[in-house]
PDB file of all heavy atoms in Angstrom:
ATOM      1  N   LYS A   1     139.712 197.038  95.968  1.00  0.00           N
ATOM      2  CA  LYS A   1     139.434 197.067  94.571  1.00  0.00           C
ATOM      3  C   LYS A   1     138.045 196.605  94.318  1.00  0.00           C
ATOM      4  O   LYS A   1     137.575 195.518  94.681  1.00  0.00           O
ATOM      5  CB  LYS A   1     140.447 196.131  93.762  1.00  0.00           C
ATOM      6  CG  LYS A   1     140.316 196.257  92.250  1.00  0.00           C
ATOM      7  CD  LYS A   1     141.298 195.447  91.514  1.00  0.00           C
ATOM      8  CE  LYS A   1     141.194 195.654  90.009  1.00  0.00           C
ATOM      9  NZ  LYS A   1     142.174 194.715  89.275  1.00  0.00           N
ATOM     10  N   ASP A   2     137.335 197.482  93.526  1.00  0.00           N
ATOM     11  CA  ASP A   2     135.889 197.189  93.224  1.00  0.00           C
ATOM     12  C   ASP A   2     134.987 196.836  94.342  1.00  0.00           C
ATOM     13  O   ASP A   2     134.192 195.902  94.276  1.00  0.00           O
ATOM     14  CB  ASP A   2     135.876 195.978  92.096  1.00  0.00           C
ATOM     15  CG  ASP A   2     136.629 196.402  90.971  1.00  0.00           C
ATOM     16  OD1 ASP A   2     136.654 197.700  90.478  1.00  0.00           O
ATOM     17  OD2 ASP A   2     137.068 195.557  90.097  1.00  0.00           O
ATOM     18  N   GLY A   3     135.208 197.472  95.475  1.00  0.00           N
ATOM     19  CA  GLY A   3     134.452 197.227  96.704  1.00  0.00           C
ATOM     20  C   GLY A   3     134.776 196.029  97.426  1.00  0.00           C
ATOM     21  O   GLY A   3     134.109 195.678  98.508  1.00  0.00           O
ATOM     22  N   VAL A   4     135.890 195.324  97.189  1.00  0.00           N
ATOM     23  CA  VAL A   4     136.334 194.127  97.831  1.00  0.00           C
ATOM     24  C   VAL A   4     137.616 194.529  98.552  1.00  0.00           C
ATOM     25  O   VAL A   4     138.655 194.970  97.896  1.00  0.00           O
ATOM     26  CB  VAL A   4     136.564 192.992  96.894  1.00  0.00           C
ATOM     27  CG1 VAL A   4     137.191 191.717  97.628  1.00  0.00           C
ATOM     28  CG2 VAL A   4     135.365 192.518  96.191  1.00  0.00           C
ATOM     29  N   VAL A   5     137.804 194.329  99.733  1.00  0.00           N
ATOM     30  CA  VAL A   5     138.891 194.667 100.634  1.00  0.00           C
ATOM     31  C   VAL A   5     139.650 193.236 100.790  1.00  0.00           C
ATOM     32  O   VAL A   5     139.147 192.269 101.305  1.00  0.00           O
ATOM     33  CB  VAL A   5     138.593 195.228 101.985  1.00  0.00           C
ATOM     34  CG1 VAL A   5     139.820 195.399 102.759  1.00  0.00           C
ATOM     35  CG2 VAL A   5     137.823 196.513 101.798  1.00  0.00           C
ATOM     36  N   THR A   6     140.968 193.221 100.322  1.00  0.00           N
ATOM     37  CA  THR A   6     141.856 192.069 100.576  1.00  0.00           C
ATOM     38  C   THR A   6     142.766 192.288 101.656  1.00  0.00           C
ATOM     39  O   THR A   6     143.405 193.347 101.691  1.00  0.00           O
ATOM     40  CB  THR A   6     142.557 191.772  99.254  1.00  0.00           C
ATOM     41  OG1 THR A   6     141.587 191.477  98.236  1.00  0.00           O
ATOM     42  CG2 THR A   6     143.387 190.511  99.403  1.00  0.00           C
ATOM     43  N   ALA A   7     142.937 191.521 102.608  1.00  0.00           N
ATOM     44  CA  ALA A   7     143.781 191.669 103.733  1.00  0.00           C
ATOM     45  C   ALA A   7     144.606 190.473 104.109  1.00  0.00           C
ATOM     46  O   ALA A   7     144.194 189.347 103.952  1.00  0.00           O
ATOM     47  CB  ALA A   7     143.035 192.111 104.955  1.00  0.00           C
ATOM     48  N   LEU A   8     145.871 190.686 104.534  1.00  0.00           N
ATOM     49  CA  LEU A   8     146.672 189.573 104.956  1.00  0.00           C
ATOM     50  C   LEU A   8     146.098 189.158 106.248  1.00  0.00           C
ATOM     51  O   LEU A   8     145.510 189.920 107.043  1.00  0.00           O
ATOM     52  CB  LEU A   8     148.120 190.076 105.060  1.00  0.00           C
ATOM     53  CG  LEU A   8     148.834 190.579 103.804  1.00  0.00           C
ATOM     54  CD1 LEU A   8     150.197 190.904 104.054  1.00  0.00           C
ATOM     55  CD2 LEU A   8     148.716 189.397 102.613  1.00  0.00           C
ATOM     56  N   GLY A   9     146.582 187.887 106.731  1.00  0.00           N
ATOM     57  CA  GLY A   9     146.198 187.422 107.953  1.00  0.00           C
ATOM     58  C   GLY A   9     146.754 188.277 109.187  1.00  0.00           C
ATOM     59  O   GLY A   9     146.257 188.116 110.342  1.00  0.00           O
ATOM     60  N   THR A  10     147.839 188.822 108.958  1.00  0.00           N
ATOM     61  CA  THR A  10     148.511 189.640 110.051  1.00  0.00           C
ATOM     62  C   THR A  10     147.960 191.123 110.090  1.00  0.00           C
ATOM     63  O   THR A  10     148.425 191.894 110.900  1.00  0.00           O
ATOM     64  CB  THR A  10     150.043 189.643 109.828  1.00  0.00           C
ATOM     65  OG1 THR A  10     150.298 190.135 108.448  1.00  0.00           O
ATOM     66  CG2 THR A  10     150.619 188.256 109.991  1.00  0.00           C
ATOM     67  N   ALA A  11     147.133 191.445 109.215  1.00  0.00           N
ATOM     68  CA  ALA A  11     146.501 192.816 109.098  1.00  0.00           C
ATOM     69  C   ALA A  11     145.605 193.118 110.297  1.00  0.00           C
ATOM     70  O   ALA A  11     145.048 192.218 110.839  1.00  0.00           O
ATOM     71  CB  ALA A  11     145.846 193.111 107.763  1.00  0.00           C
ATOM     72  N   SER A  12     145.341 194.349 110.603  1.00  0.00           N
ATOM     73  CA  SER A  12     144.505 194.701 111.807  1.00  0.00           C
ATOM     74  C   SER A  12     143.015 194.595 111.245  1.00  0.00           C
ATOM     75  O   SER A  12     142.616 195.135 110.138  1.00  0.00           O
ATOM     76  CB  SER A  12     144.742 196.189 112.131  1.00  0.00           C
ATOM     77  OG  SER A  12     143.699 196.668 112.938  1.00  0.00           O
ATOM     78  N   ILE A  13     142.308 193.854 112.039  1.00  0.00           N
ATOM     79  CA  ILE A  13     140.852 193.710 111.711  1.00  0.00           C
ATOM     80  C   ILE A  13     139.959 194.992 111.822  1.00  0.00           C
ATOM     81  O   ILE A  13     139.046 195.308 111.054  1.00  0.00           O
ATOM     82  CB  ILE A  13     140.249 192.505 112.592  1.00  0.00           C
ATOM     83  CG1 ILE A  13     138.835 192.277 111.994  1.00  0.00           C
ATOM     84  CG2 ILE A  13     140.200 192.878 113.945  1.00  0.00           C
ATOM     85  CD1 ILE A  13     138.691 191.669 110.602  1.00  0.00           C
ATOM     86  N   GLU A  14     140.557 195.825 112.745  1.00  0.00           N
ATOM     87  CA  GLU A  14     139.844 197.161 112.795  1.00  0.00           C
ATOM     88  C   GLU A  14     140.058 198.033 111.607  1.00  0.00           C
ATOM     89  O   GLU A  14     139.100 198.777 111.149  1.00  0.00           O
ATOM     90  CB  GLU A  14     140.297 197.745 114.134  1.00  0.00           C
ATOM     91  CG  GLU A  14     139.867 197.222 115.433  1.00  0.00           C
ATOM     92  CD  GLU A  14     140.274 197.992 116.635  1.00  0.00           C
ATOM     93  OE1 GLU A  14     140.821 199.173 116.458  1.00  0.00           O
ATOM     94  OE2 GLU A  14     139.945 197.608 117.876  1.00  0.00           O
ATOM     95  N   ASP A  15     141.266 197.896 111.145  1.00  0.00           N
ATOM     96  CA  ASP A  15     141.493 198.663 109.858  1.00  0.00           C
ATOM     97  C   ASP A  15     140.760 198.165 108.686  1.00  0.00           C
ATOM     98  O   ASP A  15     140.274 198.970 107.924  1.00  0.00           O
ATOM     99  CB  ASP A  15     143.098 198.584 109.656  1.00  0.00           C
ATOM    100  CG  ASP A  15     143.983 199.430 110.614  1.00  0.00           C
ATOM    101  OD1 ASP A  15     143.265 200.157 111.360  1.00  0.00           O
ATOM    102  OD2 ASP A  15     145.162 199.189 110.626  1.00  0.00           O
ATOM    103  N   VAL A  16     140.517 196.970 108.718  1.00  0.00           N
ATOM    104  CA  VAL A  16     139.617 196.345 107.571  1.00  0.00           C
ATOM    105  C   VAL A  16     138.267 196.869 107.613  1.00  0.00           C
ATOM    106  O   VAL A  16     137.740 197.373 106.657  1.00  0.00           O
ATOM    107  CB  VAL A  16     139.757 194.691 107.572  1.00  0.00           C
ATOM    108  CG1 VAL A  16     138.839 194.241 106.532  1.00  0.00           C
ATOM    109  CG2 VAL A  16     141.172 194.233 107.330  1.00  0.00           C
ATOM    110  N   TYR A  17     137.761 196.889 108.799  1.00  0.00           N
ATOM    111  CA  TYR A  17     136.323 197.278 108.936  1.00  0.00           C
ATOM    112  C   TYR A  17     136.231 198.862 108.833  1.00  0.00           C
ATOM    113  O   TYR A  17     135.113 199.316 108.500  1.00  0.00           O
ATOM    114  CB  TYR A  17     135.656 196.711 110.216  1.00  0.00           C
ATOM    115  CG  TYR A  17     135.120 195.355 110.096  1.00  0.00           C
ATOM    116  CD1 TYR A  17     135.907 194.243 110.106  1.00  0.00           C
ATOM    117  CD2 TYR A  17     133.670 195.214 109.904  1.00  0.00           C
ATOM    118  CE1 TYR A  17     135.273 193.032 109.917  1.00  0.00           C
ATOM    119  CE2 TYR A  17     133.083 194.046 109.800  1.00  0.00           C
ATOM    120  CZ  TYR A  17     133.859 192.878 109.771  1.00  0.00           C
ATOM    121  OH  TYR A  17     133.295 191.608 109.630  1.00  0.00           O
ATOM    122  N   ASP A  18     137.333 199.508 109.069  1.00  0.00           N
ATOM    123  CA  ASP A  18     137.354 201.000 108.946  1.00  0.00           C
ATOM    124  C   ASP A  18     137.062 201.289 107.450  1.00  0.00           C
ATOM    125  O   ASP A  18     136.555 202.312 107.142  1.00  0.00           O
ATOM    126  CB  ASP A  18     138.568 201.537 109.434  1.00  0.00           C
ATOM    127  CG  ASP A  18     138.647 201.689 110.893  1.00  0.00           C
ATOM    128  OD1 ASP A  18     137.478 201.720 111.550  1.00  0.00           O
ATOM    129  OD2 ASP A  18     139.764 201.856 111.521  1.00  0.00           O
ATOM    130  N   LYS A  19     137.612 200.400 106.638  1.00  0.00           N
ATOM    131  CA  LYS A  19     137.372 200.652 105.148  1.00  0.00           C
ATOM    132  C   LYS A  19     135.884 200.748 104.682  1.00  0.00           C
ATOM    133  O   LYS A  19     135.498 201.240 103.821  1.00  0.00           O
ATOM    134  CB  LYS A  19     137.992 199.518 104.299  1.00  0.00           C
ATOM    135  CG  LYS A  19     139.585 199.463 104.412  1.00  0.00           C
ATOM    136  CD  LYS A  19     140.263 200.569 103.536  1.00  0.00           C
ATOM    137  CE  LYS A  19     141.657 200.398 103.596  1.00  0.00           C
ATOM    138  NZ  LYS A  19     142.324 201.504 102.866  1.00  0.00           N
ATOM    139  N   PHE A  20     135.011 199.990 105.554  1.00  0.00           N
ATOM    140  CA  PHE A  20     133.552 200.003 105.205  1.00  0.00           C
ATOM    141  C   PHE A  20     132.825 201.065 106.223  1.00  0.00           C
ATOM    142  O   PHE A  20     131.705 201.132 106.195  1.00  0.00           O
ATOM    143  CB  PHE A  20     132.991 198.629 105.516  1.00  0.00           C
ATOM    144  CG  PHE A  20     133.594 197.545 104.600  1.00  0.00           C
ATOM    145  CD1 PHE A  20     134.416 196.466 105.296  1.00  0.00           C
ATOM    146  CD2 PHE A  20     133.418 197.652 103.255  1.00  0.00           C
ATOM    147  CE1 PHE A  20     134.917 195.547 104.422  1.00  0.00           C
ATOM    148  CE2 PHE A  20     133.947 196.483 102.523  1.00  0.00           C
ATOM    149  CZ  PHE A  20     134.742 195.479 102.949  1.00  0.00           C
ATOM    150  N   GLY A  21     133.612 201.798 106.974  1.00  0.00           N
ATOM    151  CA  GLY A  21     132.909 202.818 107.810  1.00  0.00           C
ATOM    152  C   GLY A  21     132.299 202.107 109.034  1.00  0.00           C
ATOM    153  O   GLY A  21     131.442 202.571 109.666  1.00  0.00           O
ATOM    154  N   ILE A  22     132.816 200.920 109.446  1.00  0.00           N
ATOM    155  CA  ILE A  22     132.132 200.179 110.562  1.00  0.00           C
ATOM    156  C   ILE A  22     133.189 200.085 111.660  1.00  0.00           C
ATOM    157  O   ILE A  22     134.271 199.716 111.495  1.00  0.00           O
ATOM    158  CB  ILE A  22     131.742 198.738 110.108  1.00  0.00           C
ATOM    159  CG1 ILE A  22     130.763 198.761 108.945  1.00  0.00           C
ATOM    160  CG2 ILE A  22     131.318 197.957 111.286  1.00  0.00           C
ATOM    161  CD1 ILE A  22     130.540 197.308 108.329  1.00  0.00           C
ATOM    162  N   GLU A  23     132.777 200.515 112.894  1.00  0.00           N
ATOM    163  CA  GLU A  23     133.666 200.426 113.939  1.00  0.00           C
ATOM    164  C   GLU A  23     133.277 199.330 114.820  1.00  0.00           C
ATOM    165  O   GLU A  23     132.276 199.082 115.268  1.00  0.00           O
ATOM    166  CB  GLU A  23     133.348 201.724 114.879  1.00  0.00           C
ATOM    167  CG  GLU A  23     134.215 201.937 116.087  1.00  0.00           C
ATOM    168  CD  GLU A  23     134.088 203.137 116.797  1.00  0.00           C
ATOM    169  OE1 GLU A  23     133.289 203.984 116.352  1.00  0.00           O
ATOM    170  OE2 GLU A  23     134.616 203.317 117.896  1.00  0.00           O
ATOM    171  N   LEU A  24     134.346 198.438 115.007  1.00  0.00           N
ATOM    172  CA  LEU A  24     134.068 197.303 115.806  1.00  0.00           C
ATOM    173  C   LEU A  24     134.296 197.628 117.352  1.00  0.00           C
ATOM    174  O   LEU A  24     135.080 198.250 117.711  1.00  0.00           O
ATOM    175  CB  LEU A  24     135.210 196.166 115.372  1.00  0.00           C
ATOM    176  CG  LEU A  24     135.017 195.582 114.029  1.00  0.00           C
ATOM    177  CD1 LEU A  24     136.311 194.626 113.778  1.00  0.00           C
ATOM    178  CD2 LEU A  24     133.796 194.784 113.895  1.00  0.00           C
ATOM    179  N   LYS A  25     133.382 197.010 118.067  1.00  0.00           N
ATOM    180  CA  LYS A  25     133.440 197.121 119.471  1.00  0.00           C
ATOM    181  C   LYS A  25     134.398 196.091 120.153  1.00  0.00           C
ATOM    182  O   LYS A  25     134.456 194.938 119.600  1.00  0.00           O
ATOM    183  CB  LYS A  25     132.017 196.966 120.159  1.00  0.00           C
ATOM    184  CG  LYS A  25     131.076 198.022 119.667  1.00  0.00           C
ATOM    185  CD  LYS A  25     129.645 197.872 120.238  1.00  0.00           C
ATOM    186  CE  LYS A  25     128.695 198.823 119.751  1.00  0.00           C
ATOM    187  NZ  LYS A  25     127.249 198.653 120.203  1.00  0.00           N
ATOM    188  N   ASP A  26     135.033 196.433 121.165  1.00  0.00           N
ATOM    189  CA  ASP A  26     136.078 195.580 121.825  1.00  0.00           C
ATOM    190  C   ASP A  26     135.426 194.279 122.221  1.00  0.00           C
ATOM    191  O   ASP A  26     136.075 193.193 122.087  1.00  0.00           O
ATOM    192  CB  ASP A  26     136.665 196.225 123.041  1.00  0.00           C
ATOM    193  CG  ASP A  26     137.505 197.456 122.600  1.00  0.00           C
ATOM    194  OD1 ASP A  26     137.918 197.578 121.489  1.00  0.00           O
ATOM    195  OD2 ASP A  26     137.616 198.272 123.508  1.00  0.00           O
ATOM    196  N   GLU A  27     134.105 194.351 122.717  1.00  0.00           N
ATOM    197  CA  GLU A  27     133.518 192.918 123.155  1.00  0.00           C
ATOM    198  C   GLU A  27     133.166 192.079 121.868  1.00  0.00           C
ATOM    199  O   GLU A  27     132.936 191.003 122.159  1.00  0.00           O
ATOM    200  CB  GLU A  27     132.332 193.264 123.964  1.00  0.00           C
ATOM    201  CG  GLU A  27     131.224 194.093 123.273  1.00  0.00           C
ATOM    202  CD  GLU A  27     131.402 195.646 123.461  1.00  0.00           C
ATOM    203  OE1 GLU A  27     132.502 196.046 123.902  1.00  0.00           O
ATOM    204  OE2 GLU A  27     130.411 196.265 123.328  1.00  0.00           O
ATOM    205  N   GLU A  28     133.194 192.698 120.705  1.00  0.00           N
ATOM    206  CA  GLU A  28     132.821 191.867 119.529  1.00  0.00           C
ATOM    207  C   GLU A  28     134.010 191.005 119.009  1.00  0.00           C
ATOM    208  O   GLU A  28     133.727 190.011 118.441  1.00  0.00           O
ATOM    209  CB  GLU A  28     132.386 192.823 118.409  1.00  0.00           C
ATOM    210  CG  GLU A  28     131.033 193.390 118.688  1.00  0.00           C
ATOM    211  CD  GLU A  28     130.510 194.382 117.537  1.00  0.00           C
ATOM    212  OE1 GLU A  28     131.423 194.877 116.858  1.00  0.00           O
ATOM    213  OE2 GLU A  28     129.240 194.475 117.396  1.00  0.00           O
ATOM    214  N   VAL A  29     135.198 191.514 119.307  1.00  0.00           N
ATOM    215  CA  VAL A  29     136.307 190.789 118.788  1.00  0.00           C
ATOM    216  C   VAL A  29     137.437 190.453 119.759  1.00  0.00           C
ATOM    217  O   VAL A  29     137.606 191.302 120.733  1.00  0.00           O
ATOM    218  CB  VAL A  29     137.035 191.533 117.693  1.00  0.00           C
ATOM    219  CG1 VAL A  29     136.176 191.605 116.408  1.00  0.00           C
ATOM    220  CG2 VAL A  29     137.411 192.958 118.053  1.00  0.00           C
ATOM    221  N   GLU A  30     137.992 189.360 119.840  1.00  0.00           N
ATOM    222  CA  GLU A  30     139.001 188.906 120.844  1.00  0.00           C
ATOM    223  C   GLU A  30     140.276 189.034 120.237  1.00  0.00           C
ATOM    224  O   GLU A  30     141.275 189.152 120.958  1.00  0.00           O
ATOM    225  CB  GLU A  30     138.664 187.447 121.273  1.00  0.00           C
ATOM    226  CG  GLU A  30     137.357 187.320 122.018  1.00  0.00           C
ATOM    227  CD  GLU A  30     137.219 185.899 122.600  1.00  0.00           C
ATOM    228  OE1 GLU A  30     138.133 185.159 122.393  1.00  0.00           O
ATOM    229  OE2 GLU A  30     136.175 185.644 123.132  1.00  0.00           O
ATOM    230  N   SER A  31     140.456 189.021 118.961  1.00  0.00           N
ATOM    231  CA  SER A  31     141.790 189.108 118.345  1.00  0.00           C
ATOM    232  C   SER A  31     141.943 190.420 117.529  1.00  0.00           C
ATOM    233  O   SER A  31     140.931 190.954 116.963  1.00  0.00           O
ATOM    234  CB  SER A  31     142.009 187.970 117.447  1.00  0.00           C
ATOM    235  OG  SER A  31     143.360 188.026 116.662  1.00  0.00           O
ATOM    236  N   SER A  32     143.109 191.027 117.568  1.00  0.00           N
ATOM    237  CA  SER A  32     143.251 192.267 116.826  1.00  0.00           C
ATOM    238  C   SER A  32     143.650 191.979 115.295  1.00  0.00           C
ATOM    239  O   SER A  32     143.640 192.981 114.468  1.00  0.00           O
ATOM    240  CB  SER A  32     144.389 193.095 117.505  1.00  0.00           C
ATOM    241  OG  SER A  32     145.496 192.413 117.509  1.00  0.00           O
ATOM    242  N   MET A  33     143.935 190.704 115.028  1.00  0.00           N
ATOM    243  CA  MET A  33     144.478 190.434 113.686  1.00  0.00           C
ATOM    244  C   MET A  33     143.361 189.783 112.875  1.00  0.00           C
ATOM    245  O   MET A  33     142.502 189.075 113.411  1.00  0.00           O
ATOM    246  CB  MET A  33     145.832 189.642 113.717  1.00  0.00           C
ATOM    247  CG  MET A  33     146.885 190.302 114.202  1.00  0.00           C
ATOM    248  SD  MET A  33     148.389 189.456 114.083  1.00  0.00           S
ATOM    249  CE  MET A  33     149.596 190.552 114.739  1.00  0.00           C
ATOM    250  N   VAL A  34     143.397 189.776 111.488  1.00  0.00           N
ATOM    251  CA  VAL A  34     142.521 189.188 110.604  1.00  0.00           C
ATOM    252  C   VAL A  34     142.457 187.654 110.934  1.00  0.00           C
ATOM    253  O   VAL A  34     141.388 187.063 110.991  1.00  0.00           O
ATOM    254  CB  VAL A  34     142.868 189.465 109.178  1.00  0.00           C
ATOM    255  CG1 VAL A  34     142.018 188.603 108.252  1.00  0.00           C
ATOM    256  CG2 VAL A  34     142.515 190.951 108.896  1.00  0.00           C
ATOM    257  N   GLY A  35     143.692 187.112 110.930  1.00  0.00           N
ATOM    258  CA  GLY A  35     143.675 185.603 111.123  1.00  0.00           C
ATOM    259  C   GLY A  35     143.025 185.188 112.378  1.00  0.00           C
ATOM    260  O   GLY A  35     142.172 184.159 112.484  1.00  0.00           O
ATOM    261  N   GLY A  36     143.387 185.753 113.501  1.00  0.00           N
ATOM    262  CA  GLY A  36     142.705 185.339 114.829  1.00  0.00           C
ATOM    263  C   GLY A  36     141.248 185.640 114.840  1.00  0.00           C
ATOM    264  O   GLY A  36     140.516 184.896 115.405  1.00  0.00           O
ATOM    265  N   PHE A  37     140.824 186.695 114.214  1.00  0.00           N
ATOM    266  CA  PHE A  37     139.393 187.111 114.099  1.00  0.00           C
ATOM    267  C   PHE A  37     138.690 186.028 113.345  1.00  0.00           C
ATOM    268  O   PHE A  37     137.503 185.697 113.738  1.00  0.00           O
ATOM    269  CB  PHE A  37     139.306 188.414 113.383  1.00  0.00           C
ATOM    270  CG  PHE A  37     137.866 188.686 112.915  1.00  0.00           C
ATOM    271  CD1 PHE A  37     136.985 189.219 113.864  1.00  0.00           C
ATOM    272  CD2 PHE A  37     137.421 188.595 111.624  1.00  0.00           C
ATOM    273  CE1 PHE A  37     135.743 189.644 113.493  1.00  0.00           C
ATOM    274  CE2 PHE A  37     136.301 189.017 111.201  1.00  0.00           C
ATOM    275  CZ  PHE A  37     135.312 189.524 112.200  1.00  0.00           C
ATOM    276  N   ILE A  38     139.182 185.586 112.160  1.00  0.00           N
ATOM    277  CA  ILE A  38     138.510 184.488 111.435  1.00  0.00           C
ATOM    278  C   ILE A  38     138.426 183.206 112.110  1.00  0.00           C
ATOM    279  O   ILE A  38     137.428 182.572 112.245  1.00  0.00           O
ATOM    280  CB  ILE A  38     139.148 184.293 110.043  1.00  0.00           C
ATOM    281  CG1 ILE A  38     139.045 185.565 109.211  1.00  0.00           C
ATOM    282  CG2 ILE A  38     138.671 183.212 109.236  1.00  0.00           C
ATOM    283  CD1 ILE A  38     139.802 185.680 107.832  1.00  0.00           C
ATOM    284  N   ILE A  39     139.469 182.754 112.770  1.00  0.00           N
ATOM    285  CA  ILE A  39     139.499 181.478 113.493  1.00  0.00           C
ATOM    286  C   ILE A  39     138.545 181.617 114.671  1.00  0.00           C
ATOM    287  O   ILE A  39     137.732 180.640 114.918  1.00  0.00           O
ATOM    288  CB  ILE A  39     140.914 181.257 114.030  1.00  0.00           C
ATOM    289  CG1 ILE A  39     141.888 180.844 112.930  1.00  0.00           C
ATOM    290  CG2 ILE A  39     140.954 180.129 115.133  1.00  0.00           C
ATOM    291  CD1 ILE A  39     143.401 180.780 113.198  1.00  0.00           C
ATOM    292  N   ASP A  40     138.388 182.747 115.258  1.00  0.00           N
ATOM    293  CA  ASP A  40     137.524 182.947 116.431  1.00  0.00           C
ATOM    294  C   ASP A  40     136.071 182.778 116.011  1.00  0.00           C
ATOM    295  O   ASP A  40     135.253 182.113 116.596  1.00  0.00           O
ATOM    296  CB  ASP A  40     137.763 184.306 117.120  1.00  0.00           C
ATOM    297  CG  ASP A  40     136.756 184.466 118.239  1.00  0.00           C
ATOM    298  OD1 ASP A  40     136.688 183.716 119.167  1.00  0.00           O
ATOM    299  OD2 ASP A  40     136.018 185.608 118.158  1.00  0.00           O
ATOM    300  N   LYS A  41     135.822 183.464 114.838  1.00  0.00           N
ATOM    301  CA  LYS A  41     134.320 183.471 114.432  1.00  0.00           C
ATOM    302  C   LYS A  41     133.947 182.138 113.798  1.00  0.00           C
ATOM    303  O   LYS A  41     132.830 181.719 113.820  1.00  0.00           O
ATOM    304  CB  LYS A  41     134.145 184.566 113.369  1.00  0.00           C
ATOM    305  CG  LYS A  41     134.337 185.926 113.932  1.00  0.00           C
ATOM    306  CD  LYS A  41     133.531 186.187 115.012  1.00  0.00           C
ATOM    307  CE  LYS A  41     133.739 187.529 115.844  1.00  0.00           C
ATOM    308  NZ  LYS A  41     133.081 187.653 117.098  1.00  0.00           N
TER     309      LYS A  41
END
């Protein structure tokens, strides 16, 4: 909504970044979920 993507902690981080047209590389992320991605970063 209005350019802001809201995602649950269990959502796919790749799907989130797809909303912005950004493709995440496997070496950039260790977790496939939003929660794990945030904790890792």
